[in-house]
C-alpha atoms as a PDB file:
ATOM      1  CA  MET A   1     -15.059 -14.659  38.600  1.00  0.00           C
ATOM      2  CA  SER A   2     -12.737 -12.878  35.813  1.00  0.00           C
ATOM      3  CA  LYS A   3     -13.236 -14.111  32.329  1.00  0.00           C
ATOM      4  CA  LYS A   4      -9.880 -13.802  30.302  1.00  0.00           C
ATOM      5  CA  THR A   5     -10.914 -12.481  26.359  1.00  0.00           C
ATOM      6  CA  THR A   6      -8.324 -13.165  24.128  1.00  0.00           C
ATOM      7  CA  GLU A   7      -7.521 -11.645  21.145  1.00  0.00           C
ATOM      8  CA  THR A   8      -6.218 -12.586  17.990  1.00  0.00           C
ATOM      9  CA  THR A   9      -4.483 -10.428  15.869  1.00  0.00           C
ATOM     10  CA  THR A  10      -4.223 -10.910  12.417  1.00  0.00           C
ATOM     11  CA  PRO A  11      -0.401  -9.440  11.349  1.00  0.00           C
ATOM     12  CA  LEU A  12      -0.935  -6.429   9.472  1.00  0.00           C
ATOM     13  CA  TYR A  13       0.430  -5.207   5.777  1.00  0.00           C
ATOM     14  CA  LYS A  14       2.945  -2.634   5.970  1.00  0.00           C
ATOM     15  CA  VAL A  15       3.516  -0.747   2.863  1.00  0.00           C
ATOM     16  CA  SER A  16       6.354   1.863   2.325  1.00  0.00           C
ATOM     17  CA  CYS A  17       6.613   3.647  -1.170  1.00  0.00           C
ATOM     18  CA  LYS A  18       9.641   5.499  -1.755  1.00  0.00           C
ATOM     19  CA  ILE A  19       9.379   8.155  -4.687  1.00  0.00           C
ATOM     20  CA  MET A  20      12.154  10.630  -5.808  1.00  0.00           C
ATOM     21  CA  GLY A  21      14.112  10.260  -2.368  1.00  0.00           C
ATOM     22  CA  LYS A  22      11.357  10.761  -0.455  1.00  0.00           C
ATOM     23  CA  SER A  23       9.361   7.601   1.507  1.00  0.00           C
ATOM     24  CA  TYR A  24       6.008   7.344   3.022  1.00  0.00           C
ATOM     25  CA  HIS A  25       4.663   4.670   4.931  1.00  0.00           C
ATOM     26  CA  SER A  26       1.188   3.030   5.534  1.00  0.00           C
ATOM     27  CA  GLU A  27      -0.309   0.172   7.084  1.00  0.00           C
ATOM     28  CA  GLY A  28      -3.819  -1.998   7.069  1.00  0.00           C
ATOM     29  CA  GLU A  29      -5.795  -5.276   7.268  1.00  0.00           C
ATOM     30  CA  THR A  30      -5.371  -5.981   3.708  1.00  0.00           C
ATOM     31  CA  VAL A  31      -3.061  -5.189   0.633  1.00  0.00           C
ATOM     32  CA  LEU A  32      -5.726  -2.930  -0.750  1.00  0.00           C
ATOM     33  CA  GLU A  33      -6.448  -0.988   2.434  1.00  0.00           C
ATOM     34  CA  ALA A  34      -2.574  -0.654   3.054  1.00  0.00           C
ATOM     35  CA  ILE A  35      -2.277   0.821  -0.536  1.00  0.00           C
ATOM     36  CA  GLY A  36      -5.245   2.799  -0.266  1.00  0.00           C
ATOM     37  CA  ASN A  37      -4.113   4.168   2.885  1.00  0.00           C
ATOM     38  CA  LEU A  38      -0.717   5.804   1.343  1.00  0.00           C
ATOM     39  CA  LYS A  39      -0.881   9.681   1.427  1.00  0.00           C
ATOM     40  CA  VAL A  40       1.604  10.579  -1.033  1.00  0.00           C
ATOM     41  CA  GLY A  41       0.017  13.514  -2.946  1.00  0.00           C
ATOM     42  CA  ARG A  42       1.505  15.309  -5.999  1.00  0.00           C
ATOM     43  CA  GLU A  43       4.957  13.258  -6.655  1.00  0.00           C
ATOM     44  CA  LYS A  44       5.612  12.604  -9.822  1.00  0.00           C
ATOM     45  CA  GLY A  45       8.490   9.604 -11.353  1.00  0.00           C
ATOM     46  CA  ARG A  46       9.594   6.202 -10.732  1.00  0.00           C
ATOM     47  CA  ALA A  47       7.898   4.652  -7.163  1.00  0.00           C
ATOM     48  CA  ILE A  48       9.363   1.228  -5.339  1.00  0.00           C
ATOM     49  CA  ILE A  49       6.361   0.229  -3.150  1.00  0.00           C
ATOM     50  CA  THR A  50       7.303  -2.493  -0.552  1.00  0.00           C
ATOM     51  CA  MET A  51       5.286  -4.676   0.932  1.00  0.00           C
ATOM     52  CA  LYS A  52       6.005  -6.247   3.986  1.00  0.00           C
ATOM     53  CA  HIS A  53       3.503  -9.443   5.799  1.00  0.00           C
ATOM     54  CA  ALA A  54       4.607 -11.651   8.654  1.00  0.00           C
ATOM     55  CA  ASP A  55       7.912 -12.633   7.291  1.00  0.00           C
ATOM     56  CA  THR A  56       7.687 -11.802   3.451  1.00  0.00           C
ATOM     57  CA  VAL A  57       8.771  -8.985   1.661  1.00  0.00           C
ATOM     58  CA  LYS A  58       7.847  -8.359  -1.817  1.00  0.00           C
ATOM     59  CA  GLU A  59       9.018  -5.222  -3.998  1.00  0.00           C
ATOM     60  CA  LYS A  60       7.723  -3.785  -7.190  1.00  0.00           C
ATOM     61  CA  VAL A  61       8.527  -0.610  -9.385  1.00  0.00           C
ATOM     62  CA  LEU A  62       5.806   1.370 -10.549  1.00  0.00           C
ATOM     63  CA  MET A  63       6.128   2.848 -13.611  1.00  0.00           C
ATOM     64  CA  PRO A  64       5.125   7.024 -13.715  1.00  0.00           C
ATOM     65  CA  ILE A  65       1.255   6.965 -15.357  1.00  0.00           C
ATOM     66  CA  GLN A  66       0.866   4.218 -12.410  1.00  0.00           C
ATOM     67  CA  VAL A  67       2.045   6.378  -9.641  1.00  0.00           C
ATOM     68  CA  ALA A  68       0.145   9.302 -11.452  1.00  0.00           C
ATOM     69  CA  ARG A  69      -3.328   7.415 -11.780  1.00  0.00           C
ATOM     70  CA  LEU A  70      -2.481   6.146  -8.200  1.00  0.00           C
ATOM     71  CA  PHE A  71      -2.327   8.805  -6.085  1.00  0.00           C
ATOM     72  CA  GLN A  72      -3.112  11.967  -8.141  1.00  0.00           C
ATOM     73  CA  THR A  73      -6.481  11.077  -9.507  1.00  0.00           C
ATOM     74  CA  ALA A  74      -9.422  10.250  -7.571  1.00  0.00           C
ATOM     75  CA  GLY A  75     -12.675   8.374  -8.589  1.00  0.00           C
ATOM     76  CA  LYS A  76     -13.081   5.076 -10.734  1.00  0.00           C
ATOM     77  CA  SER A  77      -9.649   5.537 -11.891  1.00  0.00           C
ATOM     78  CA  ARG A  78      -7.981   5.302  -9.108  1.00  0.00           C
ATOM     79  CA  GLU A  79     -10.077   2.921  -7.388  1.00  0.00           C
ATOM     80  CA  ILE A  80      -9.204   0.282 -10.695  1.00  0.00           C
ATOM     81  CA  ASN A  81      -5.521   1.567 -11.000  1.00  0.00           C
ATOM     82  CA  LEU A  82      -5.452   0.574  -6.702  1.00  0.00           C
ATOM     83  CA  LYS A  83      -6.837  -2.760  -7.647  1.00  0.00           C
ATOM     84  CA  ASN A  84      -4.633  -3.348 -10.594  1.00  0.00           C
ATOM     85  CA  VAL A  85      -1.523  -2.433  -8.371  1.00  0.00           C
ATOM     86  CA  ALA A  86      -2.957  -4.268  -5.382  1.00  0.00           C
ATOM     87  CA  LEU A  87      -2.870  -7.562  -7.921  1.00  0.00           C
ATOM     88  CA  LEU A  88       0.684  -7.535  -8.731  1.00  0.00           C
ATOM     89  CA  PHE A  89       1.132  -8.268  -4.204  1.00  0.00           C
ATOM     90  CA  SER A  90      -0.623 -11.261  -4.474  1.00  0.00           C
END
């Protein structure tokens, strides 16, 4: 007798970020993880972040100082700003 296993897959959060004409994409199981997985680097300027989950789509505009704190810093300041940006989408 063989047992059938069923995997329940939760829909992932998909994030795309547009900064100065360049697009970056990532995904994760939570909003925080999806935004944290974005690898932008040293881009500067305003960012448009689009969050897709199941059949909902949300867009937010981030000011340059938020973009710098989110992608160009490390440690506590990045974690704090990551949490604040994730709260915009919940």
